Amino acid sequence: MSRATKSATFFLTYACGTASLWAEGVAPSAAKLVDFGGGWAITNAMATGWVMSALLVGLVLWLIGKPSIIPSKGQAVVESLIEGLRGIFEPIVGPRAFPTAFPILITFFTFILFHNWMGLIPGVGTMGWGHDVDGHFHLTRALIRPHNADFNGTIALALISFGAWAIIVFKFAGPKVILVDLFGNKADKNETPGWLYPVLSLVFLVVGFIEVFSIVIRPFTLSVRLFGNVFGGENLLHGTGFLFVFYFMELLVGVIQALVFTLLTSVYIGLLCNHEGGDHGHDDKPGHEAGVPH
């Protein structure tokens, strides 16, 4: 059998998913599909992310069609999803920042959810090129790879989340509220002994620097949590031969991780925007915020 024939055979075998039972796991780094040199390349995870994003946009447009007052079945499904997520995130973010934050939150949830489930599709992560070692096939370059199983993909999501958080909190809370929240003395001066209040001010100052450090590392913690769960689940499926029970478990993990990432982003925003005095004196009631539906 020629070398080209062997390569084609290995590729087709993995395309059918039968060789996945032999797999010992998947590599943590994405394979380069197109290498431009100088560190620039299109990886299989990037290509998967683009294709899935295009499919999601097409699916939403197909479901909604031409929006109408009396919704179609597809429009009703999308609206129900939006209303359900709104009920979860609005109390956390707060009515003032919610109209600005909700588009990015629902985008995060939908994008992450479907990309988490990508690894459950037969052939994803197992279809590609490799070589035979000791009678077992070892995949060296997968054609399709889940976007969130690549750390570059999850760190990109986390950086976008951090950037959106910074923009929203500076807009709706402002630098003064942020500084007071981080370094201000939270003790009630009227109920605190005079000698203790300056000591507490020093304590809260130190705690503020610790909080700044925790804010700085948020992109890392968000990305590692998502990557670890998705990549670990991908290896679990490969190592167990894609048993049904683990398929069901990974379906739940995909939902939970999408919800956790989005909830943490909303909590970070709400910590500064969803409390009294966080909007330069604006009323906290929803009816006093322009753009919030009644």
C-alpha atoms as a PDB file:
ATOM      1  CA  MET A   1       0.000   0.000   0.000  1.00  0.00           C
ATOM      2  CA  SER A   2       1.401   3.402  -0.971  1.00  0.00           C
ATOM      3  CA  ARG A   3       2.025   6.194   1.515  1.00  0.00           C
ATOM      4  CA  ALA A   4      -0.737   8.335   0.012  1.00  0.00           C
ATOM      5  CA  THR A   5      -3.168   5.453   0.251  1.00  0.00           C
ATOM      6  CA  LYS A   6      -2.272   4.884   3.899  1.00  0.00           C
ATOM      7  CA  SER A   7      -2.808   8.576   4.694  1.00  0.00           C
ATOM      8  CA  ALA A   8      -6.177   8.526   2.987  1.00  0.00           C
ATOM      9  CA  THR A   9      -7.108   5.361   4.847  1.00  0.00           C
ATOM     10  CA  PHE A  10      -6.177   6.852   8.203  1.00  0.00           C
ATOM     11  CA  PHE A  11      -8.122  10.007   7.398  1.00  0.00           C
ATOM     12  CA  LEU A  12     -11.248   8.120   6.344  1.00  0.00           C
ATOM     13  CA  THR A  13     -11.021   5.805   9.333  1.00  0.00           C
ATOM     14  CA  TYR A  14     -11.095   8.742  11.694  1.00  0.00           C
ATOM     15  CA  ALA A  15     -13.806  10.408   9.660  1.00  0.00           C
ATOM     16  CA  CYS A  16     -15.977   7.383  10.394  1.00  0.00           C
ATOM     17  CA  GLY A  17     -15.021   7.631  14.066  1.00  0.00           C
ATOM     18  CA  THR A  18     -14.044   3.950  14.398  1.00  0.00           C
ATOM     19  CA  ALA A  19     -10.420   4.632  15.304  1.00  0.00           C
ATOM     20  CA  SER A  20     -11.383   6.861  18.213  1.00  0.00           C
ATOM     21  CA  LEU A  21     -11.416   3.779  20.431  1.00  0.00           C
ATOM     22  CA  TRP A  22      -7.649   3.557  20.011  1.00  0.00           C
ATOM     23  CA  ALA A  23      -6.987   7.195  20.837  1.00  0.00           C
ATOM     24  CA  GLU A  24      -5.035   7.935  23.982  1.00  0.00           C
ATOM     25  CA  GLY A  25      -6.141  11.554  24.088  1.00  0.00           C
ATOM     26  CA  VAL A  26      -5.803  14.773  22.163  1.00  0.00           C
ATOM     27  CA  ALA A  27      -3.023  17.337  22.122  1.00  0.00           C
ATOM     28  CA  PRO A  28      -3.713  20.572  24.076  1.00  0.00           C
ATOM     29  CA  SER A  29      -2.487  22.775  21.214  1.00  0.00           C
ATOM     30  CA  ALA A  30      -4.408  23.380  18.015  1.00  0.00           C
ATOM     31  CA  ALA A  31      -2.931  22.194  14.727  1.00  0.00           C
ATOM     32  CA  LYS A  32      -2.054  24.644  11.971  1.00  0.00           C
ATOM     33  CA  LEU A  33      -4.163  24.239   8.864  1.00  0.00           C
ATOM     34  CA  VAL A  34      -2.558  27.158   7.022  1.00  0.00           C
ATOM     35  CA  ASP A  35       0.848  28.455   8.145  1.00  0.00           C
ATOM     36  CA  PHE A  36       1.710  31.975   6.958  1.00  0.00           C
ATOM     37  CA  GLY A  37       5.062  32.000   8.759  1.00  0.00           C
ATOM     38  CA  GLY A  38       6.311  34.373  11.422  1.00  0.00           C
ATOM     39  CA  GLY A  39       3.947  32.900  13.994  1.00  0.00           C
ATOM     40  CA  TRP A  40       0.836  33.661  11.918  1.00  0.00           C
ATOM     41  CA  ALA A  41      -1.393  30.736  11.063  1.00  0.00           C
ATOM     42  CA  ILE A  42      -4.973  29.544  10.771  1.00  0.00           C
ATOM     43  CA  THR A  43      -5.515  26.688  13.213  1.00  0.00           C
ATOM     44  CA  ASN A  44      -8.214  24.042  13.170  1.00  0.00           C
ATOM     45  CA  ALA A  45      -9.778  25.566  16.305  1.00  0.00           C
ATOM     46  CA  MET A  46      -9.958  29.002  14.653  1.00  0.00           C
ATOM     47  CA  ALA A  47     -11.558  27.567  11.534  1.00  0.00           C
ATOM     48  CA  THR A  48     -14.081  25.665  13.638  1.00  0.00           C
ATOM     49  CA  GLY A  49     -14.931  28.840  15.539  1.00  0.00           C
ATOM     50  CA  TRP A  50     -15.546  30.795  12.335  1.00  0.00           C
ATOM     51  CA  VAL A  51     -17.680  28.088  10.763  1.00  0.00           C
ATOM     52  CA  MET A  52     -19.769  27.526  13.894  1.00  0.00           C
ATOM     53  CA  SER A  53     -20.274  31.278  14.361  1.00  0.00           C
ATOM     54  CA  ALA A  54     -21.492  31.616  10.782  1.00  0.00           C
ATOM     55  CA  LEU A  55     -23.857  28.669  11.295  1.00  0.00           C
ATOM     56  CA  LEU A  56     -25.223  30.221  14.506  1.00  0.00           C
ATOM     57  CA  VAL A  57     -25.879  33.551  12.799  1.00  0.00           C
ATOM     58  CA  GLY A  58     -27.557  31.752   9.911  1.00  0.00           C
ATOM     59  CA  LEU A  59     -29.666  29.673  12.313  1.00  0.00           C
ATOM     60  CA  VAL A  60     -30.902  32.745  14.206  1.00  0.00           C
ATOM     61  CA  LEU A  61     -31.723  34.584  10.987  1.00  0.00           C
ATOM     62  CA  TRP A  62     -33.554  31.518   9.687  1.00  0.00           C
ATOM     63  CA  LEU A  63     -35.548  31.081  12.907  1.00  0.00           C
ATOM     64  CA  ILE A  64     -36.571  34.717  13.169  1.00  0.00           C
ATOM     65  CA  GLY A  65     -37.061  35.482   9.478  1.00  0.00           C
ATOM     66  CA  LYS A  66     -38.912  38.773   9.270  1.00  0.00           C
ATOM     67  CA  PRO A  67     -39.765  39.802  12.858  1.00  0.00           C
ATOM     68  CA  SER A  68     -43.466  40.359  13.501  1.00  0.00           C
ATOM     69  CA  ILE A  69     -45.714  41.326  16.397  1.00  0.00           C
ATOM     70  CA  ILE A  70     -47.275  37.878  16.300  1.00  0.00           C
ATOM     71  CA  PRO A  71     -44.102  35.772  16.407  1.00  0.00           C
ATOM     72  CA  SER A  72     -43.513  32.707  14.320  1.00  0.00           C
ATOM     73  CA  LYS A  73     -42.432  29.469  16.012  1.00  0.00           C
ATOM     74  CA  GLY A  74     -38.776  30.239  15.368  1.00  0.00           C
ATOM     75  CA  GLN A  75     -39.072  33.813  16.618  1.00  0.00           C
ATOM     76  CA  ALA A  76     -40.893  32.571  19.730  1.00  0.00           C
ATOM     77  CA  VAL A  77     -38.028  30.165  20.472  1.00  0.00           C
ATOM     78  CA  VAL A  78     -35.418  32.934  20.193  1.00  0.00           C
ATOM     79  CA  GLU A  79     -37.516  35.353  22.263  1.00  0.00           C
ATOM     80  CA  SER A  80     -38.053  32.718  24.952  1.00  0.00           C
ATOM     81  CA  LEU A  81     -34.302  32.145  25.155  1.00  0.00           C
ATOM     82  CA  ILE A  82     -33.663  35.876  25.426  1.00  0.00           C
ATOM     83  CA  GLU A  83     -36.335  36.368  28.102  1.00  0.00           C
ATOM     84  CA  GLY A  84     -35.028  33.425  30.106  1.00  0.00           C
ATOM     85  CA  LEU A  85     -31.467  34.742  30.066  1.00  0.00           C
ATOM     86  CA  ARG A  86     -32.702  38.240  30.851  1.00  0.00           C
ATOM     87  CA  GLY A  87     -34.408  36.927  33.971  1.00  0.00           C
ATOM     88  CA  ILE A  88     -31.084  35.456  35.098  1.00  0.00           C
ATOM     89  CA  PHE A  89     -28.712  38.317  34.314  1.00  0.00           C
ATOM     90  CA  GLU A  90     -30.730  41.508  34.904  1.00  0.00           C
ATOM     91  CA  PRO A  91     -30.953  41.181  38.726  1.00  0.00           C
ATOM     92  CA  ILE A  92     -27.190  40.559  38.838  1.00  0.00           C
ATOM     93  CA  VAL A  93     -26.040  43.324  36.499  1.00  0.00           C
ATOM     94  CA  GLY A  94     -28.627  45.869  37.611  1.00  0.00           C
ATOM     95  CA  PRO A  95     -31.195  47.823  35.563  1.00  0.00           C
ATOM     96  CA  ARG A  96     -28.849  50.681  34.665  1.00  0.00           C
ATOM     97  CA  ALA A  97     -26.052  48.700  33.029  1.00  0.00           C
ATOM     98  CA  PHE A  98     -28.239  45.852  31.769  1.00  0.00           C
ATOM     99  CA  PRO A  99     -29.186  47.301  28.334  1.00  0.00           C
ATOM    100  CA  THR A 100     -25.490  47.754  27.537  1.00  0.00           C
ATOM    101  CA  ALA A 101     -24.266  44.499  29.089  1.00  0.00           C
ATOM    102  CA  PHE A 102     -26.970  42.104  27.895  1.00  0.00           C
ATOM    103  CA  PRO A 103     -25.913  41.865  24.218  1.00  0.00           C
ATOM    104  CA  ILE A 104     -22.385  40.772  25.161  1.00  0.00           C
ATOM    105  CA  LEU A 105     -23.686  38.400  27.863  1.00  0.00           C
ATOM    106  CA  ILE A 106     -26.149  36.585  25.606  1.00  0.00           C
ATOM    107  CA  THR A 107     -23.484  36.395  22.889  1.00  0.00           C
ATOM    108  CA  PHE A 108     -21.040  34.818  25.350  1.00  0.00           C
ATOM    109  CA  PHE A 109     -23.581  32.259  26.516  1.00  0.00           C
ATOM    110  CA  THR A 110     -24.705  31.203  23.045  1.00  0.00           C
ATOM    111  CA  PHE A 111     -21.206  31.155  21.546  1.00  0.00           C
ATOM    112  CA  ILE A 112     -19.645  29.204  24.408  1.00  0.00           C
ATOM    113  CA  LEU A 113     -22.541  26.742  24.707  1.00  0.00           C
ATOM    114  CA  PHE A 114     -22.496  25.608  21.093  1.00  0.00           C
ATOM    115  CA  HIS A 115     -18.702  25.513  20.932  1.00  0.00           C
ATOM    116  CA  ASN A 116     -18.632  23.418  24.109  1.00  0.00           C
ATOM    117  CA  TRP A 117     -20.933  20.934  22.377  1.00  0.00           C
ATOM    118  CA  MET A 118     -18.767  20.834  19.256  1.00  0.00           C
ATOM    119  CA  GLY A 119     -16.630  18.066  20.731  1.00  0.00           C
ATOM    120  CA  LEU A 120     -19.689  15.787  20.901  1.00  0.00           C
ATOM    121  CA  ILE A 121     -20.073  15.699  17.130  1.00  0.00           C
ATOM    122  CA  PRO A 122     -18.591  12.493  15.658  1.00  0.00           C
ATOM    123  CA  GLY A 123     -15.328  13.219  13.870  1.00  0.00           C
ATOM    124  CA  VAL A 124     -14.528  16.423  15.746  1.00  0.00           C
ATOM    125  CA  GLY A 125     -11.062  15.994  17.247  1.00  0.00           C
ATOM    126  CA  THR A 126     -10.646  12.527  15.716  1.00  0.00           C
ATOM    127  CA  MET A 127     -10.831  13.253  11.986  1.00  0.00           C
ATOM    128  CA  GLY A 128      -7.476  14.162  10.470  1.00  0.00           C
ATOM    129  CA  TRP A 129      -3.986  12.959   9.687  1.00  0.00           C
ATOM    130  CA  GLY A 130      -1.578  10.822  11.697  1.00  0.00           C
ATOM    131  CA  HIS A 131       0.619   7.745  11.672  1.00  0.00           C
ATOM    132  CA  ASP A 132       0.673   4.158  12.877  1.00  0.00           C
ATOM    133  CA  VAL A 133       2.702   3.427  16.041  1.00  0.00           C
ATOM    134  CA  ASP A 134       2.892  -0.110  17.397  1.00  0.00           C
ATOM    135  CA  GLY A 135      -0.280  -1.081  15.617  1.00  0.00           C
ATOM    136  CA  HIS A 136      -2.263   1.870  16.946  1.00  0.00           C
ATOM    137  CA  PHE A 137      -3.195   5.021  15.082  1.00  0.00           C
ATOM    138  CA  HIS A 138      -1.933   8.280  16.605  1.00  0.00           C
ATOM    139  CA  LEU A 139      -3.572  11.478  15.434  1.00  0.00           C
ATOM    140  CA  THR A 140      -1.015  14.238  14.796  1.00  0.00           C
ATOM    141  CA  ARG A 141      -3.217  16.850  13.118  1.00  0.00           C
ATOM    142  CA  ALA A 142      -6.982  17.035  13.504  1.00  0.00           C
ATOM    143  CA  LEU A 143      -9.028  18.613  10.753  1.00  0.00           C
ATOM    144  CA  ILE A 144     -11.688  19.918  13.159  1.00  0.00           C
ATOM    145  CA  ARG A 145     -11.056  20.944  16.762  1.00  0.00           C
ATOM    146  CA  PRO A 146     -13.503  22.479  19.288  1.00  0.00           C
ATOM    147  CA  HIS A 147     -12.834  26.194  19.654  1.00  0.00           C
ATOM    148  CA  ASN A 148     -12.961  26.095  23.467  1.00  0.00           C
ATOM    149  CA  ALA A 149     -10.607  23.091  23.644  1.00  0.00           C
ATOM    150  CA  ASP A 150      -7.829  25.451  22.510  1.00  0.00           C
ATOM    151  CA  PHE A 151      -6.451  27.750  25.215  1.00  0.00           C
ATOM    152  CA  ASN A 152      -5.959  30.527  22.652  1.00  0.00           C
ATOM    153  CA  GLY A 153      -9.719  30.524  22.055  1.00  0.00           C
ATOM    154  CA  THR A 154     -10.684  30.715  25.724  1.00  0.00           C
ATOM    155  CA  ILE A 155      -8.122  33.422  26.547  1.00  0.00           C
ATOM    156  CA  ALA A 156      -9.537  35.492  23.677  1.00  0.00           C
ATOM    157  CA  LEU A 157     -13.032  35.143  25.157  1.00  0.00           C
ATOM    158  CA  ALA A 158     -11.727  36.087  28.606  1.00  0.00           C
ATOM    159  CA  LEU A 159      -9.934  39.188  27.287  1.00  0.00           C
ATOM    160  CA  ILE A 160     -13.115  40.316  25.509  1.00  0.00           C
ATOM    161  CA  SER A 161     -15.011  39.773  28.757  1.00  0.00           C
ATOM    162  CA  PHE A 162     -12.445  41.829  30.682  1.00  0.00           C
ATOM    163  CA  GLY A 163     -12.541  44.633  28.113  1.00  0.00           C
ATOM    164  CA  ALA A 164     -16.340  44.744  28.151  1.00  0.00           C
ATOM    165  CA  TRP A 165     -16.302  44.814  31.960  1.00  0.00           C
ATOM    166  CA  ALA A 166     -13.886  47.750  32.016  1.00  0.00           C
ATOM    167  CA  ILE A 167     -15.914  49.772  29.512  1.00  0.00           C
ATOM    168  CA  ILE A 168     -19.235  49.142  31.259  1.00  0.00           C
ATOM    169  CA  VAL A 169     -18.089  49.832  34.830  1.00  0.00           C
ATOM    170  CA  PHE A 170     -16.286  53.041  33.863  1.00  0.00           C
ATOM    171  CA  LYS A 171     -19.403  54.181  32.018  1.00  0.00           C
ATOM    172  CA  PHE A 172     -21.999  53.357  34.683  1.00  0.00           C
ATOM    173  CA  ALA A 173     -19.970  53.519  37.897  1.00  0.00           C
ATOM    174  CA  GLY A 174     -17.114  55.899  37.113  1.00  0.00           C
ATOM    175  CA  PRO A 175     -13.562  56.140  38.455  1.00  0.00           C
ATOM    176  CA  LYS A 176     -14.633  57.639  41.795  1.00  0.00           C
ATOM    177  CA  VAL A 177     -17.027  54.827  42.661  1.00  0.00           C
ATOM    178  CA  ILE A 178     -14.479  52.233  41.532  1.00  0.00           C
ATOM    179  CA  LEU A 179     -11.726  53.705  43.755  1.00  0.00           C
ATOM    180  CA  VAL A 180     -14.043  53.984  46.762  1.00  0.00           C
ATOM    181  CA  ASP A 181     -15.273  50.436  46.239  1.00  0.00           C
ATOM    182  CA  LEU A 182     -11.717  49.111  46.045  1.00  0.00           C
ATOM    183  CA  PHE A 183      -9.874  51.176  48.642  1.00  0.00           C
ATOM    184  CA  GLY A 184     -12.538  53.016  50.645  1.00  0.00           C
ATOM    185  CA  ASN A 185     -13.288  52.351  54.296  1.00  0.00           C
ATOM    186  CA  LYS A 186     -16.568  50.400  54.374  1.00  0.00           C
ATOM    187  CA  ALA A 187     -17.025  50.765  58.152  1.00  0.00           C
ATOM    188  CA  ASP A 188     -19.671  53.134  59.523  1.00  0.00           C
ATOM    189  CA  LYS A 189     -17.759  56.009  61.098  1.00  0.00           C
ATOM    190  CA  ASN A 190     -20.570  56.786  63.537  1.00  0.00           C
ATOM    191  CA  GLU A 191     -20.603  53.221  64.874  1.00  0.00           C
ATOM    192  CA  THR A 192     -16.834  52.625  64.868  1.00  0.00           C
ATOM    193  CA  PRO A 193     -14.521  53.720  67.719  1.00  0.00           C
ATOM    194  CA  GLY A 194     -12.335  56.673  66.751  1.00  0.00           C
ATOM    195  CA  TRP A 195      -9.063  54.812  67.260  1.00  0.00           C
ATOM    196  CA  LEU A 196     -10.248  51.836  65.178  1.00  0.00           C
ATOM    197  CA  TYR A 197     -11.433  53.719  62.110  1.00  0.00           C
ATOM    198  CA  PRO A 198      -7.917  54.690  60.836  1.00  0.00           C
ATOM    199  CA  VAL A 199      -6.753  51.108  61.395  1.00  0.00           C
ATOM    200  CA  LEU A 200      -9.658  49.833  59.332  1.00  0.00           C
ATOM    201  CA  SER A 201      -8.816  52.357  56.613  1.00  0.00           C
ATOM    202  CA  LEU A 202      -5.328  50.823  56.379  1.00  0.00           C
ATOM    203  CA  VAL A 203      -6.803  47.302  56.311  1.00  0.00           C
ATOM    204  CA  PHE A 204      -9.230  48.186  53.527  1.00  0.00           C
ATOM    205  CA  LEU A 205      -6.368  49.811  51.594  1.00  0.00           C
ATOM    206  CA  VAL A 206      -4.370  46.568  51.725  1.00  0.00           C
ATOM    207  CA  VAL A 207      -7.473  44.550  50.808  1.00  0.00           C
ATOM    208  CA  GLY A 208      -7.989  46.910  47.881  1.00  0.00           C
ATOM    209  CA  PHE A 209      -4.579  46.042  46.422  1.00  0.00           C
ATOM    210  CA  ILE A 210      -5.401  42.349  46.811  1.00  0.00           C
ATOM    211  CA  GLU A 211      -8.678  42.978  44.982  1.00  0.00           C
ATOM    212  CA  VAL A 212      -6.824  44.772  42.184  1.00  0.00           C
ATOM    213  CA  PHE A 213      -4.617  41.709  41.791  1.00  0.00           C
ATOM    214  CA  SER A 214      -7.695  39.461  41.642  1.00  0.00           C
ATOM    215  CA  ILE A 215      -9.181  41.700  38.943  1.00  0.00           C
ATOM    216  CA  VAL A 216      -5.986  41.588  36.881  1.00  0.00           C
ATOM    217  CA  ILE A 217      -5.908  37.778  36.867  1.00  0.00           C
ATOM    218  CA  ARG A 218      -9.592  37.402  35.968  1.00  0.00           C
ATOM    219  CA  PRO A 219      -8.860  36.779  32.261  1.00  0.00           C
ATOM    220  CA  PHE A 220      -6.506  33.959  33.245  1.00  0.00           C
ATOM    221  CA  THR A 221      -8.919  32.316  35.688  1.00  0.00           C
ATOM    222  CA  LEU A 222     -11.879  32.612  33.315  1.00  0.00           C
ATOM    223  CA  SER A 223      -9.952  31.146  30.407  1.00  0.00           C
ATOM    224  CA  VAL A 224      -8.310  28.313  32.377  1.00  0.00           C
ATOM    225  CA  ARG A 225     -11.623  27.232  33.930  1.00  0.00           C
ATOM    226  CA  LEU A 226     -13.365  27.002  30.562  1.00  0.00           C
ATOM    227  CA  PHE A 227     -10.409  25.446  28.751  1.00  0.00           C
ATOM    228  CA  GLY A 228      -9.762  22.863  31.469  1.00  0.00           C
ATOM    229  CA  ASN A 229     -13.335  21.609  31.537  1.00  0.00           C
ATOM    230  CA  VAL A 230     -13.782  21.441  27.762  1.00  0.00           C
ATOM    231  CA  PHE A 231     -10.367  19.948  27.048  1.00  0.00           C
ATOM    232  CA  GLY A 232     -10.733  17.498  29.917  1.00  0.00           C
ATOM    233  CA  GLY A 233     -14.147  16.442  28.658  1.00  0.00           C
ATOM    234  CA  GLU A 234     -12.755  15.952  25.168  1.00  0.00           C
ATOM    235  CA  ASN A 235     -10.048  13.631  26.500  1.00  0.00           C
ATOM    236  CA  LEU A 236     -12.588  11.820  28.675  1.00  0.00           C
ATOM    237  CA  LEU A 237     -14.722  11.021  25.630  1.00  0.00           C
ATOM    238  CA  HIS A 238     -11.685   9.812  23.687  1.00  0.00           C
ATOM    239  CA  GLY A 239     -10.414   7.696  26.553  1.00  0.00           C
ATOM    240  CA  THR A 240     -13.773   6.025  27.230  1.00  0.00           C
ATOM    241  CA  GLY A 241     -14.642   5.270  23.627  1.00  0.00           C
ATOM    242  CA  PHE A 242     -17.433   7.857  23.484  1.00  0.00           C
ATOM    243  CA  LEU A 243     -19.787   6.030  25.853  1.00  0.00           C
ATOM    244  CA  PHE A 244     -23.329   7.406  25.936  1.00  0.00           C
ATOM    245  CA  VAL A 245     -23.274   8.216  29.649  1.00  0.00           C
ATOM    246  CA  PHE A 246     -20.294  10.519  29.155  1.00  0.00           C
ATOM    247  CA  TYR A 247     -22.005  12.138  26.168  1.00  0.00           C
ATOM    248  CA  PHE A 248     -24.900  13.040  28.450  1.00  0.00           C
ATOM    249  CA  MET A 249     -22.533  14.299  31.137  1.00  0.00           C
ATOM    250  CA  GLU A 250     -20.654  16.499  28.648  1.00  0.00           C
ATOM    251  CA  LEU A 251     -23.967  17.973  27.468  1.00  0.00           C
ATOM    252  CA  LEU A 252     -24.580  19.144  31.033  1.00  0.00           C
ATOM    253  CA  VAL A 253     -20.992  20.325  31.474  1.00  0.00           C
ATOM    254  CA  GLY A 254     -21.288  22.368  28.267  1.00  0.00           C
ATOM    255  CA  VAL A 255     -24.357  24.196  29.607  1.00  0.00           C
ATOM    256  CA  ILE A 256     -22.881  24.701  33.073  1.00  0.00           C
ATOM    257  CA  GLN A 257     -19.571  26.089  31.801  1.00  0.00           C
ATOM    258  CA  ALA A 258     -21.301  28.482  29.405  1.00  0.00           C
ATOM    259  CA  LEU A 259     -23.502  29.658  32.270  1.00  0.00           C
ATOM    260  CA  VAL A 260     -20.587  29.951  34.719  1.00  0.00           C
ATOM    261  CA  PHE A 261     -18.482  32.055  32.335  1.00  0.00           C
ATOM    262  CA  THR A 262     -21.409  34.368  31.584  1.00  0.00           C
ATOM    263  CA  LEU A 263     -22.565  34.586  35.197  1.00  0.00           C
ATOM    264  CA  LEU A 264     -19.075  35.492  36.401  1.00  0.00           C
ATOM    265  CA  THR A 265     -18.877  38.258  33.789  1.00  0.00           C
ATOM    266  CA  SER A 266     -22.261  39.592  34.911  1.00  0.00           C
ATOM    267  CA  VAL A 267     -21.266  39.374  38.593  1.00  0.00           C
ATOM    268  CA  TYR A 268     -18.076  41.354  37.939  1.00  0.00           C
ATOM    269  CA  ILE A 269     -20.183  44.076  36.295  1.00  0.00           C
ATOM    270  CA  GLY A 270     -22.887  44.013  38.965  1.00  0.00           C
ATOM    271  CA  LEU A 271     -20.424  44.343  41.841  1.00  0.00           C
ATOM    272  CA  LEU A 272     -19.740  47.938  40.760  1.00  0.00           C
ATOM    273  CA  CYS A 273     -22.860  48.882  38.793  1.00  0.00           C
ATOM    274  CA  ASN A 274     -25.651  47.281  40.802  1.00  0.00           C
ATOM    275  CA  HIS A 275     -25.590  49.178  44.073  1.00  0.00           C
ATOM    276  CA  GLU A 276     -26.619  52.581  45.375  1.00  0.00           C
ATOM    277  CA  GLY A 277     -24.531  55.480  44.207  1.00  0.00           C
ATOM    278  CA  GLY A 278     -22.956  53.493  41.379  1.00  0.00           C
ATOM    279  CA  ASP A 279     -24.323  55.711  38.611  1.00  0.00           C
ATOM    280  CA  HIS A 280     -23.400  59.230  39.669  1.00  0.00           C
ATOM    281  CA  GLY A 281     -26.606  59.796  41.573  1.00  0.00           C
ATOM    282  CA  HIS A 282     -29.025  58.330  39.040  1.00  0.00           C
ATOM    283  CA  ASP A 283     -32.094  56.652  40.462  1.00  0.00           C
ATOM    284  CA  ASP A 284     -31.653  52.906  40.881  1.00  0.00           C
ATOM    285  CA  LYS A 285     -35.217  52.134  39.845  1.00  0.00           C
ATOM    286  CA  PRO A 286     -35.658  50.590  36.410  1.00  0.00           C
ATOM    287  CA  GLY A 287     -38.263  53.149  35.414  1.00  0.00           C
ATOM    288  CA  HIS A 288     -35.716  55.960  35.701  1.00  0.00           C
ATOM    289  CA  GLU A 289     -33.233  54.442  33.281  1.00  0.00           C
ATOM    290  CA  ALA A 290     -33.627  55.362  29.641  1.00  0.00           C
ATOM    291  CA  GLY A 291     -33.698  52.419  27.345  1.00  0.00           C
ATOM    292  CA  VAL A 292     -34.951  49.868  29.890  1.00  0.00           C
ATOM    293  CA  PRO A 293     -38.311  48.429  28.749  1.00  0.00           C
ATOM    294  CA  HIS A 294     -41.216  48.764  31.181  1.00  0.00           C
END
